[in-house]
C-alpha atoms as a PDB file:
ATOM      1  CA  MET A   1       1.772 -25.710  -2.546  1.00  0.00           C
ATOM      2  CA  ALA A   2       0.476 -27.239  -5.612  1.00  0.00           C
ATOM      3  CA  GLU A   3       3.240 -28.608  -8.023  1.00  0.00           C
ATOM      4  CA  ARG A   4       3.442 -26.973 -11.377  1.00  0.00           C
ATOM      5  CA  ILE A   5       2.811 -29.199 -14.293  1.00  0.00           C
ATOM      6  CA  VAL A   6       4.548 -28.046 -17.528  1.00  0.00           C
ATOM      7  CA  PRO A   7       3.447 -29.858 -20.514  1.00  0.00           C
ATOM      8  CA  ARG A   8       5.794 -31.713 -22.670  1.00  0.00           C
ATOM      9  CA  ARG A   9       6.578 -30.397 -26.147  1.00  0.00           C
ATOM     10  CA  SER A  10       6.427 -32.899 -28.697  1.00  0.00           C
ATOM     11  CA  THR A  11       8.442 -31.185 -31.369  1.00  0.00           C
ATOM     12  CA  PRO A  12      12.275 -30.843 -30.837  1.00  0.00           C
ATOM     13  CA  GLN A  13      13.547 -27.400 -30.219  1.00  0.00           C
ATOM     14  CA  ASP A  14      16.658 -25.728 -31.203  1.00  0.00           C
ATOM     15  CA  GLN A  15      19.674 -24.967 -28.962  1.00  0.00           C
ATOM     16  CA  ALA A  16      18.856 -21.283 -28.935  1.00  0.00           C
ATOM     17  CA  HIS A  17      15.382 -21.843 -27.637  1.00  0.00           C
ATOM     18  CA  GLY A  18      16.916 -24.036 -24.779  1.00  0.00           C
ATOM     19  CA  LEU A  19      19.253 -21.358 -23.766  1.00  0.00           C
ATOM     20  CA  ARG A  20      16.427 -18.673 -23.976  1.00  0.00           C
ATOM     21  CA  THR A  21      14.394 -21.351 -21.669  1.00  0.00           C
ATOM     22  CA  LEU A  22      17.517 -21.707 -19.346  1.00  0.00           C
ATOM     23  CA  PHE A  23      17.796 -17.890 -18.980  1.00  0.00           C
ATOM     24  CA  GLY A  24      14.502 -16.663 -19.544  1.00  0.00           C
ATOM     25  CA  GLY A  25      14.109 -15.782 -15.890  1.00  0.00           C
ATOM     26  CA  ALA A  26      16.873 -13.500 -15.703  1.00  0.00           C
ATOM     27  CA  ARG A  27      16.470  -9.903 -15.732  1.00  0.00           C
ATOM     28  CA  THR A  28      18.434  -8.359 -18.680  1.00  0.00           C
ATOM     29  CA  VAL A  29      19.668  -4.787 -17.998  1.00  0.00           C
ATOM     30  CA  PHE A  30      19.758  -2.456 -21.467  1.00  0.00           C
ATOM     31  CA  ILE A  31      21.969   0.436 -20.617  1.00  0.00           C
ATOM     32  CA  PRO A  32      21.802   3.117 -23.544  1.00  0.00           C
ATOM     33  CA  LEU A  33      25.203   5.081 -24.017  1.00  0.00           C
ATOM     34  CA  VAL A  34      24.740   8.000 -26.286  1.00  0.00           C
ATOM     35  CA  GLN A  35      27.186   8.391 -28.974  1.00  0.00           C
ATOM     36  CA  ASN A  36      28.817  11.855 -28.687  1.00  0.00           C
ATOM     37  CA  PRO A  37      30.957  12.575 -32.039  1.00  0.00           C
ATOM     38  CA  LEU A  38      32.735  15.271 -30.033  1.00  0.00           C
ATOM     39  CA  VAL A  39      34.092  12.942 -27.583  1.00  0.00           C
ATOM     40  CA  PRO A  40      36.898  10.492 -28.655  1.00  0.00           C
ATOM     41  CA  GLY A  41      37.182   8.373 -25.474  1.00  0.00           C
ATOM     42  CA  ALA A  42      33.958   6.179 -25.917  1.00  0.00           C
ATOM     43  CA  GLY A  43      35.747   3.211 -26.107  1.00  0.00           C
ATOM     44  CA  ALA A  44      37.600   3.692 -22.701  1.00  0.00           C
ATOM     45  CA  VAL A  45      34.023   4.495 -21.419  1.00  0.00           C
ATOM     46  CA  MET A  46      32.728   1.350 -22.579  1.00  0.00           C
ATOM     47  CA  GLU A  47      35.730  -0.716 -21.294  1.00  0.00           C
ATOM     48  CA  ARG A  48      35.228   0.980 -17.713  1.00  0.00           C
ATOM     49  CA  LEU A  49      31.328   0.441 -17.578  1.00  0.00           C
ATOM     50  CA  CYS A  50      32.065  -3.177 -18.253  1.00  0.00           C
ATOM     51  CA  ALA A  51      34.865  -3.256 -15.732  1.00  0.00           C
ATOM     52  CA  ALA A  52      32.308  -1.896 -13.098  1.00  0.00           C
ATOM     53  CA  ALA A  53      29.745  -4.186 -14.037  1.00  0.00           C
ATOM     54  CA  ALA A  54      32.030  -6.965 -13.954  1.00  0.00           C
ATOM     55  CA  GLU A  55      32.971  -6.135 -10.226  1.00  0.00           C
ATOM     56  CA  ARG A  56      29.257  -6.840  -9.389  1.00  0.00           C
ATOM     57  CA  GLY A  57      29.390 -10.302 -11.040  1.00  0.00           C
ATOM     58  CA  GLN A  58      27.595  -9.035 -14.168  1.00  0.00           C
ATOM     59  CA  ARG A  59      28.426 -10.204 -17.833  1.00  0.00           C
ATOM     60  CA  THR A  60      28.045  -7.525 -20.171  1.00  0.00           C
ATOM     61  CA  LEU A  61      27.402  -7.544 -24.072  1.00  0.00           C
ATOM     62  CA  VAL A  62      28.658  -4.527 -25.739  1.00  0.00           C
ATOM     63  CA  VAL A  63      26.963  -3.365 -28.552  1.00  0.00           C
ATOM     64  CA  ASP A  64      28.421  -0.752 -30.747  1.00  0.00           C
ATOM     65  CA  ALA A  65      25.740   0.750 -33.288  1.00  0.00           C
ATOM     66  CA  ALA A  66      27.464   4.213 -33.502  1.00  0.00           C
ATOM     67  CA  ASP A  67      28.546   5.544 -36.810  1.00  0.00           C
ATOM     68  CA  THR A  68      32.042   5.155 -36.164  1.00  0.00           C
ATOM     69  CA  ALA A  69      31.684   1.465 -35.233  1.00  0.00           C
ATOM     70  CA  SER A  70      32.850  -1.480 -37.411  1.00  0.00           C
ATOM     71  CA  PRO A  71      30.095  -2.918 -39.717  1.00  0.00           C
ATOM     72  CA  PRO A  72      28.474  -6.123 -38.608  1.00  0.00           C
ATOM     73  CA  HIS A  73      29.797  -9.412 -39.772  1.00  0.00           C
ATOM     74  CA  GLU A  74      27.913 -10.542 -43.163  1.00  0.00           C
ATOM     75  CA  LEU A  75      26.249 -13.326 -41.082  1.00  0.00           C
ATOM     76  CA  ALA A  76      24.486 -10.840 -38.888  1.00  0.00           C
ATOM     77  CA  THR A  77      20.992 -11.001 -40.670  1.00  0.00           C
ATOM     78  CA  VAL A  78      21.183 -15.102 -40.704  1.00  0.00           C
ATOM     79  CA  ASP A  79      22.847 -15.973 -37.232  1.00  0.00           C
ATOM     80  CA  LEU A  80      23.370 -12.680 -35.119  1.00  0.00           C
ATOM     81  CA  SER A  81      24.816 -15.135 -32.252  1.00  0.00           C
ATOM     82  CA  ALA A  82      27.350 -16.188 -34.313  1.00  0.00           C
ATOM     83  CA  CYS A  83      28.540 -12.712 -34.794  1.00  0.00           C
ATOM     84  CA  VAL A  84      28.805 -11.896 -31.048  1.00  0.00           C
ATOM     85  CA  GLU A  85      32.740 -11.841 -30.045  1.00  0.00           C
ATOM     86  CA  THR A  86      33.938 -13.035 -26.405  1.00  0.00           C
ATOM     87  CA  LEU A  87      36.582 -10.741 -25.189  1.00  0.00           C
ATOM     88  CA  SER A  88      36.687 -11.987 -21.662  1.00  0.00           C
ATOM     89  CA  PRO A  89      34.636 -14.183 -19.486  1.00  0.00           C
ATOM     90  CA  GLN A  90      32.461 -11.007 -18.791  1.00  0.00           C
ATOM     91  CA  VAL A  91      32.342  -9.097 -21.828  1.00  0.00           C
ATOM     92  CA  MET A  92      31.108 -10.087 -25.326  1.00  0.00           C
ATOM     93  CA  TYR A  93      31.312  -7.418 -28.058  1.00  0.00           C
ATOM     94  CA  LEU A  94      29.057  -7.193 -31.343  1.00  0.00           C
ATOM     95  CA  ALA A  95      29.973  -4.610 -34.232  1.00  0.00           C
ATOM     96  CA  ALA A  96      26.968  -3.286 -35.385  1.00  0.00           C
ATOM     97  CA  ARG A  97      27.106  -0.211 -37.378  1.00  0.00           C
ATOM     98  CA  GLY A  98      23.698   0.183 -39.433  1.00  0.00           C
ATOM     99  CA  LEU A  99      22.549  -3.079 -38.153  1.00  0.00           C
ATOM    100  CA  PRO A 100      19.308  -1.724 -35.885  1.00  0.00           C
ATOM    101  CA  MET A 101      17.733  -0.164 -39.325  1.00  0.00           C
ATOM    102  CA  ARG A 102      17.515  -3.640 -40.513  1.00  0.00           C
ATOM    103  CA  TYR A 103      15.032  -3.995 -37.639  1.00  0.00           C
ATOM    104  CA  LEU A 104      13.043  -0.869 -38.673  1.00  0.00           C
ATOM    105  CA  ASP A 105       9.007  -1.794 -38.262  1.00  0.00           C
ATOM    106  CA  SER A 106       6.052  -0.325 -39.445  1.00  0.00           C
ATOM    107  CA  ARG A 107       5.671   1.778 -36.574  1.00  0.00           C
ATOM    108  CA  ALA A 108       9.214   3.447 -37.314  1.00  0.00           C
ATOM    109  CA  THR A 109      10.820   1.799 -34.295  1.00  0.00           C
ATOM    110  CA  MET A 110      13.500  -0.731 -33.977  1.00  0.00           C
ATOM    111  CA  ALA A 111      12.412  -2.249 -30.935  1.00  0.00           C
ATOM    112  CA  GLY A 112      12.861  -5.575 -32.456  1.00  0.00           C
ATOM    113  CA  PHE A 113      16.958  -5.148 -32.349  1.00  0.00           C
ATOM    114  CA  LEU A 114      16.887  -5.255 -28.408  1.00  0.00           C
ATOM    115  CA  ASP A 115      14.904  -8.431 -28.320  1.00  0.00           C
ATOM    116  CA  ALA A 116      17.348  -9.768 -31.041  1.00  0.00           C
ATOM    117  CA  LEU A 117      20.095  -8.925 -29.002  1.00  0.00           C
ATOM    118  CA  ARG A 118      18.587 -10.780 -26.065  1.00  0.00           C
ATOM    119  CA  SER A 119      18.145 -14.053 -27.843  1.00  0.00           C
ATOM    120  CA  ALA A 120      21.645 -13.741 -29.481  1.00  0.00           C
ATOM    121  CA  ALA A 121      23.797 -13.359 -26.021  1.00  0.00           C
ATOM    122  CA  PRO A 122      21.286 -15.002 -23.479  1.00  0.00           C
ATOM    123  CA  ARG A 123      24.055 -15.327 -21.105  1.00  0.00           C
ATOM    124  CA  ALA A 124      24.406 -11.428 -21.187  1.00  0.00           C
ATOM    125  CA  ASP A 125      23.132  -9.924 -17.790  1.00  0.00           C
ATOM    126  CA  VAL A 126      23.918  -6.415 -18.990  1.00  0.00           C
ATOM    127  CA  VAL A 127      23.537  -5.046 -22.752  1.00  0.00           C
ATOM    128  CA  LEU A 128      25.270  -1.785 -23.254  1.00  0.00           C
ATOM    129  CA  VAL A 129      24.371  -0.154 -26.499  1.00  0.00           C
ATOM    130  CA  HIS A 130      26.283   2.623 -27.939  1.00  0.00           C
ATOM    131  CA  ALA A 131      24.484   4.654 -30.616  1.00  0.00           C
ATOM    132  CA  SER A 132      23.390   8.015 -31.356  1.00  0.00           C
ATOM    133  CA  ALA A 133      20.513   9.558 -29.798  1.00  0.00           C
ATOM    134  CA  SER A 134      18.103   9.425 -32.882  1.00  0.00           C
ATOM    135  CA  ASP A 135      18.798   5.624 -33.235  1.00  0.00           C
ATOM    136  CA  LEU A 136      18.296   5.025 -29.240  1.00  0.00           C
ATOM    137  CA  ARG A 137      14.862   6.582 -29.376  1.00  0.00           C
ATOM    138  CA  ARG A 138      13.550   4.230 -32.085  1.00  0.00           C
ATOM    139  CA  MET A 139      15.353   1.326 -30.364  1.00  0.00           C
ATOM    140  CA  PHE A 140      14.048   1.933 -26.815  1.00  0.00           C
ATOM    141  CA  ALA A 141      10.426   2.966 -27.958  1.00  0.00           C
ATOM    142  CA  GLY A 142       8.290   2.020 -25.334  1.00  0.00           C
ATOM    143  CA  ARG A 143      10.986   1.795 -22.757  1.00  0.00           C
ATOM    144  CA  THR A 144      11.924   4.316 -20.383  1.00  0.00           C
ATOM    145  CA  PRO A 145      15.642   3.632 -19.039  1.00  0.00           C
ATOM    146  CA  SER A 146      18.168   5.932 -17.843  1.00  0.00           C
ATOM    147  CA  PRO A 147      20.758   6.908 -20.653  1.00  0.00           C
ATOM    148  CA  VAL A 148      24.259   7.664 -20.091  1.00  0.00           C
ATOM    149  CA  LEU A 149      25.526  10.609 -21.781  1.00  0.00           C
ATOM    150  CA  LEU A 150      29.172  11.447 -22.867  1.00  0.00           C
ATOM    151  CA  ALA A 151      31.104  14.802 -22.567  1.00  0.00           C
ATOM    152  CA  GLY A 152      34.867  15.880 -22.960  1.00  0.00           C
ATOM    153  CA  ASN A 153      37.051  18.556 -23.105  1.00  0.00           C
ATOM    154  CA  ARG A 154      35.356  20.568 -25.766  1.00  0.00           C
ATOM    155  CA  PRO A 155      32.841  23.067 -24.423  1.00  0.00           C
ATOM    156  CA  ASP A 156      30.502  22.073 -27.387  1.00  0.00           C
ATOM    157  CA  SER A 157      30.416  18.278 -26.290  1.00  0.00           C
ATOM    158  CA  LEU A 158      28.402  19.563 -23.466  1.00  0.00           C
ATOM    159  CA  THR A 159      26.079  21.263 -25.965  1.00  0.00           C
ATOM    160  CA  HIS A 160      25.805  17.779 -27.795  1.00  0.00           C
ATOM    161  CA  ALA A 161      25.069  16.055 -24.706  1.00  0.00           C
ATOM    162  CA  TYR A 162      22.133  18.331 -24.046  1.00  0.00           C
ATOM    163  CA  GLY A 163      20.794  17.986 -27.712  1.00  0.00           C
ATOM    164  CA  SER A 164      20.470  14.267 -26.970  1.00  0.00           C
ATOM    165  CA  MET A 165      18.769  14.789 -23.636  1.00  0.00           C
ATOM    166  CA  LYS A 166      16.610  16.801 -25.586  1.00  0.00           C
ATOM    167  CA  LEU A 167      15.578  14.682 -27.810  1.00  0.00           C
ATOM    168  CA  LEU A 168      15.193  11.350 -25.785  1.00  0.00           C
ATOM    169  CA  SER A 169      13.357  13.502 -23.131  1.00  0.00           C
ATOM    170  CA  GLN A 170      11.083  14.772 -25.647  1.00  0.00           C
ATOM    171  CA  ARG A 171      10.339  11.898 -27.577  1.00  0.00           C
ATOM    172  CA  LEU A 172      10.311   9.171 -24.995  1.00  0.00           C
ATOM    173  CA  GLY A 173       9.903  10.562 -21.985  1.00  0.00           C
ATOM    174  CA  MET A 174      13.388   9.759 -20.724  1.00  0.00           C
ATOM    175  CA  LEU A 175      13.775  12.032 -17.910  1.00  0.00           C
ATOM    176  CA  ALA A 176      16.573  10.588 -15.498  1.00  0.00           C
ATOM    177  CA  TYR A 177      20.099  10.575 -17.037  1.00  0.00           C
ATOM    178  CA  ASP A 178      23.660  10.012 -15.932  1.00  0.00           C
ATOM    179  CA  LEU A 179      27.030  11.647 -17.371  1.00  0.00           C
ATOM    180  CA  VAL A 180      30.425  10.602 -17.965  1.00  0.00           C
ATOM    181  CA  ILE A 181      32.849  12.943 -18.874  1.00  0.00           C
ATOM    182  CA  ALA A 182      35.743  11.312 -20.929  1.00  0.00           C
ATOM    183  CA  ALA A 183      38.646  13.482 -20.273  1.00  0.00           C
ATOM    184  CA  ASP A 184      41.465  14.478 -17.940  1.00  0.00           C
ATOM    185  CA  VAL A 185      39.526  17.385 -16.045  1.00  0.00           C
ATOM    186  CA  GLY A 186      39.925  18.369 -12.367  1.00  0.00           C
ATOM    187  CA  ALA A 187      37.009  17.918 -10.045  1.00  0.00           C
ATOM    188  CA  LYS A 188      35.779  21.484  -9.937  1.00  0.00           C
ATOM    189  CA  GLN A 189      35.597  21.498 -13.630  1.00  0.00           C
ATOM    190  CA  ALA A 190      33.782  18.264 -13.659  1.00  0.00           C
ATOM    191  CA  ARG A 191      31.406  19.525 -11.143  1.00  0.00           C
ATOM    192  CA  ARG A 192      30.604  22.737 -13.154  1.00  0.00           C
ATOM    193  CA  MET A 193      29.960  20.674 -16.516  1.00  0.00           C
ATOM    194  CA  ALA A 194      27.577  18.404 -14.585  1.00  0.00           C
ATOM    195  CA  ASP A 195      25.813  21.032 -12.626  1.00  0.00           C
ATOM    196  CA  ARG A 196      25.262  23.381 -15.963  1.00  0.00           C
ATOM    197  CA  LEU A 197      23.995  20.385 -18.035  1.00  0.00           C
ATOM    198  CA  GLY A 198      21.749  19.497 -14.864  1.00  0.00           C
ATOM    199  CA  GLU A 199      20.236  22.738 -14.371  1.00  0.00           C
ATOM    200  CA  CYS A 200      19.654  23.075 -18.098  1.00  0.00           C
ATOM    201  CA  GLY A 201      17.953  19.759 -18.132  1.00  0.00           C
ATOM    202  CA  ASP A 202      16.042  20.705 -15.144  1.00  0.00           C
ATOM    203  CA  HIS A 203      14.891  24.206 -16.251  1.00  0.00           C
ATOM    204  CA  PHE A 204      13.861  23.584 -19.949  1.00  0.00           C
ATOM    205  CA  LEU A 205      13.159  19.661 -19.883  1.00  0.00           C
ATOM    206  CA  GLY A 206      12.160  18.787 -16.576  1.00  0.00           C
ATOM    207  CA  ALA A 207      14.797  16.139 -16.548  1.00  0.00           C
ATOM    208  CA  ALA A 208      17.428  15.075 -13.883  1.00  0.00           C
ATOM    209  CA  LEU A 209      21.052  14.226 -13.897  1.00  0.00           C
ATOM    210  CA  ARG A 210      21.489  11.231 -11.199  1.00  0.00           C
ATOM    211  CA  HIS A 211      25.278  10.773 -11.470  1.00  0.00           C
ATOM    212  CA  SER A 212      28.284  12.064 -13.133  1.00  0.00           C
ATOM    213  CA  ALA A 213      31.688  10.523 -13.333  1.00  0.00           C
ATOM    214  CA  VAL A 214      34.824  11.318 -14.854  1.00  0.00           C
ATOM    215  CA  ILE A 215      37.275   8.749 -16.418  1.00  0.00           C
ATOM    216  CA  ASP A 216      40.430   9.869 -18.374  1.00  0.00           C
ATOM    217  CA  PRO A 217      40.649   7.711 -21.555  1.00  0.00           C
ATOM    218  CA  LEU A 218      44.512   7.761 -21.626  1.00  0.00           C
ATOM    219  CA  GLU A 219      44.948   6.137 -18.256  1.00  0.00           C
ATOM    220  CA  PRO A 220      45.978   2.470 -18.389  1.00  0.00           C
ATOM    221  CA  ALA A 221      43.084   0.219 -18.070  1.00  0.00           C
ATOM    222  CA  ARG A 222      44.409  -1.359 -14.853  1.00  0.00           C
ATOM    223  CA  THR A 223      43.950   1.851 -13.152  1.00  0.00           C
ATOM    224  CA  GLY A 224      41.420   1.519 -10.207  1.00  0.00           C
ATOM    225  CA  LEU A 225      37.669   2.393 -11.129  1.00  0.00           C
ATOM    226  CA  PRO A 226      36.355   5.851 -10.059  1.00  0.00           C
ATOM    227  CA  THR A 227      34.012   5.679  -7.076  1.00  0.00           C
ATOM    228  CA  ALA A 228      31.446   7.897  -9.069  1.00  0.00           C
ATOM    229  CA  LEU A 229      31.416   5.387 -11.818  1.00  0.00           C
ATOM    230  CA  LYS A 230      30.958   2.330  -9.567  1.00  0.00           C
ATOM    231  CA  ARG A 231      27.906   4.252  -8.124  1.00  0.00           C
ATOM    232  CA  LEU A 232      26.503   5.001 -11.491  1.00  0.00           C
ATOM    233  CA  VAL A 233      26.622   1.470 -12.622  1.00  0.00           C
ATOM    234  CA  ALA A 234      25.354   0.246  -9.412  1.00  0.00           C
ATOM    235  CA  ASP A 235      22.247   2.377 -10.000  1.00  0.00           C
ATOM    236  CA  GLN A 236      21.909   1.421 -13.792  1.00  0.00           C
ATOM    237  CA  LEU A 237      21.927  -2.124 -12.475  1.00  0.00           C
ATOM    238  CA  ALA A 238      19.373  -1.703  -9.769  1.00  0.00           C
ATOM    239  CA  PRO A 239      15.719  -3.289 -10.308  1.00  0.00           C
ATOM    240  CA  PRO A 240      13.019  -0.282 -11.010  1.00  0.00           C
ATOM    241  CA  ALA A 241      11.843   1.109  -7.742  1.00  0.00           C
ATOM    242  CA  GLU A 242       8.274  -0.088  -6.958  1.00  0.00           C
ATOM    243  CA  PRO A 243       5.710   2.237  -5.675  1.00  0.00           C
ATOM    244  CA  GLU A 244       5.971   2.555  -1.937  1.00  0.00           C
ATOM    245  CA  HIS A 245       2.784   0.931  -1.102  1.00  0.00           C
ATOM    246  CA  LEU A 246       3.852  -1.867  -3.176  1.00  0.00           C
ATOM    247  CA  ALA A 247       7.318  -2.366  -2.035  1.00  0.00           C
ATOM    248  CA  PRO A 248       8.408  -5.264  -0.151  1.00  0.00           C
ATOM    249  CA  PRO A 249      10.028  -5.105   3.367  1.00  0.00           C
ATOM    250  CA  ALA A 250      13.665  -4.028   3.168  1.00  0.00           C
ATOM    251  CA  ALA A 251      16.076  -7.152   2.585  1.00  0.00           C
ATOM    252  CA  SER A 252      19.164  -7.337   4.943  1.00  0.00           C
ATOM    253  CA  PRO A 253      21.807  -6.139   3.818  1.00  0.00           C
ATOM    254  CA  ALA A 254      38.920  -8.983 -14.248  1.00  0.00           C
ATOM    255  CA  ARG A 255      39.844  -6.573 -15.756  1.00  0.00           C
ATOM    256  CA  LEU A 256      38.840  -6.697 -19.389  1.00  0.00           C
ATOM    257  CA  GLY A 257      40.450  -6.662 -22.830  1.00  0.00           C
ATOM    258  CA  THR A 258      40.642  -3.075 -24.366  1.00  0.00           C
ATOM    259  CA  LEU A 259      37.663  -1.910 -26.524  1.00  0.00           C
ATOM    260  CA  ALA A 260      38.974   0.396 -29.400  1.00  0.00           C
ATOM    261  CA  ALA A 261      38.494   4.229 -28.844  1.00  0.00           C
ATOM    262  CA  ARG A 262      35.783   5.547 -31.081  1.00  0.00           C
ATOM    263  CA  ALA A 263      36.037   9.038 -32.862  1.00  0.00           C
ATOM    264  CA  PRO A 264      35.340  12.891 -32.945  1.00  0.00           C
ATOM    265  CA  ALA A 265      33.527  15.325 -35.187  1.00  0.00           C
ATOM    266  CA  ALA A 266      31.404  18.632 -34.454  1.00  0.00           C
ATOM    267  CA  GLY A 267      28.492  20.884 -31.608  1.00  0.00           C
ATOM    268  CA  ARG A 268      27.196  24.986 -26.406  1.00  0.00           C
ATOM    269  CA  LEU A 269      24.656  25.660 -23.701  1.00  0.00           C
ATOM    270  CA  ASN A 270      23.886  29.177 -23.262  1.00  0.00           C
END
């Protein structure tokens, strides 16, 4: 095979360029976590998702752009990477309330925000973006990831989750979703909630619910991760499936610092 020759650059490059070059071949996975103001356990959900990713050797940047998050550092518009806080070897954090709007373009999208995040944290394998459905649909314009919806003890939290599913399905064509129930609920109740959301999504939107998992936000962080949550994260991290005729032959076979819990507000599936 002929040797690939890379031309030398005559101009010096900054450190960020060097990091982008070094990690440029790596695939960054963006996971949209849809804010639900009726679910007060979003911080615990983010922490558990990071823990499940860390078990798979992935470093995660948590970007909290929900309206309950802290505002970004004043340097965010000048040097976003300087505002990324390291919580552990596997987890980084960026407070980003209102920050995506600064990337609003002439097409009314905020897609540039995701590119800025990738450049600001080139070592992150996963970028977990917590924001409202309306903001996520602008950030992820032209992409079709599988959003993670939130529900809780309140019946109207499931209605809110369905509303988010409807918005993202109709505006972006996102049709595969996951659900995390952040509440102390039994297995039967959790299954009823997931079935109800999945049936409504399928019947009215043509959308599908892939996985559902339950976490109790009040449980100590050191408690073992639910198997269902591990499966959910494993599928989120998996490379996109190729069409069967293009697919290659099948290949052979820390716990984290606590993220502050995010808060409530107000939304019922008929």
